[in-house]
Amino acid sequence: MNDPKFKSLKEIDKILKSKEFKKQADLIEKQNKELLASTKIDRNKLNISFDI
């Protein structure tokens, strides 16, 4: 099969399975978790008042 689309899909598959890609993905996931943890808001500390 010499379809260019098929060849590029094989290349993408190779990249996705590579160790370097996995390492980057794990790093991003770790950073996302840290970011989420640091942005959690304690609802009790939030002072919201409504003037009616």
Protein backbone atom coordinates (compact mmCIF):
# COMPACT_ATOMS: atom_id res chain seq x y z
CA MET A 1 0.00 0.00 0.00
CA ASN A 2 1.63 3.22 -1.16
CA ASP A 3 -1.13 5.61 -0.18
CA PRO A 4 0.49 8.79 1.25
CA LYS A 5 -2.23 9.05 3.91
CA PHE A 6 -1.52 5.52 5.07
CA LYS A 7 2.21 6.24 5.23
CA SER A 8 1.69 9.39 7.30
CA LEU A 9 -0.61 7.47 9.66
CA LYS A 10 2.16 4.91 10.16
CA GLU A 11 4.57 7.76 10.96
CA ILE A 12 2.11 9.26 13.45
CA ASP A 13 1.63 5.84 15.05
CA LYS A 14 5.41 5.46 15.39
CA ILE A 15 5.67 8.88 17.06
CA LEU A 16 2.80 8.15 19.45
CA LYS A 17 4.43 4.88 20.51
CA SER A 18 7.89 6.39 21.00
CA LYS A 19 9.34 6.64 24.50
CA GLU A 20 10.15 10.34 24.10
CA PHE A 21 6.51 11.12 23.29
CA LYS A 22 5.35 9.09 26.30
CA LYS A 23 7.80 10.95 28.53
CA GLN A 24 6.51 14.33 27.31
CA ALA A 25 2.88 13.24 27.75
CA ASP A 26 3.56 12.07 31.31
CA LEU A 27 5.31 15.35 32.10
CA ILE A 28 2.39 17.40 30.75
CA GLU A 29 -0.08 15.28 32.71
CA LYS A 30 1.95 15.79 35.90
CA GLN A 31 2.10 19.56 35.33
CA ASN A 32 -1.66 19.65 34.71
CA LYS A 33 -2.32 17.84 38.00
CA GLU A 34 -0.04 20.26 39.87
CA LEU A 35 -1.77 23.20 38.22
CA LEU A 36 -5.19 21.87 39.16
CA ALA A 37 -4.10 21.30 42.74
CA SER A 38 -2.74 24.83 43.01
CA THR A 39 -5.89 26.43 41.61
CA LYS A 40 -8.46 24.71 43.81
CA ILE A 41 -10.55 27.28 45.63
CA ASP A 42 -11.70 26.78 49.18
CA ARG A 43 -15.38 27.75 49.08
CA ASN A 44 -15.33 28.71 52.76
CA LYS A 45 -12.66 31.32 52.09
CA LEU A 46 -14.67 32.81 49.26
CA ASN A 47 -16.67 35.81 50.42
CA ILE A 48 -19.47 36.54 48.02
CA SER A 49 -22.27 38.86 48.97
CA PHE A 50 -25.27 39.84 46.94
CA ASP A 51 -26.81 43.26 47.39
CA ILE A 52 -30.54 42.91 46.76
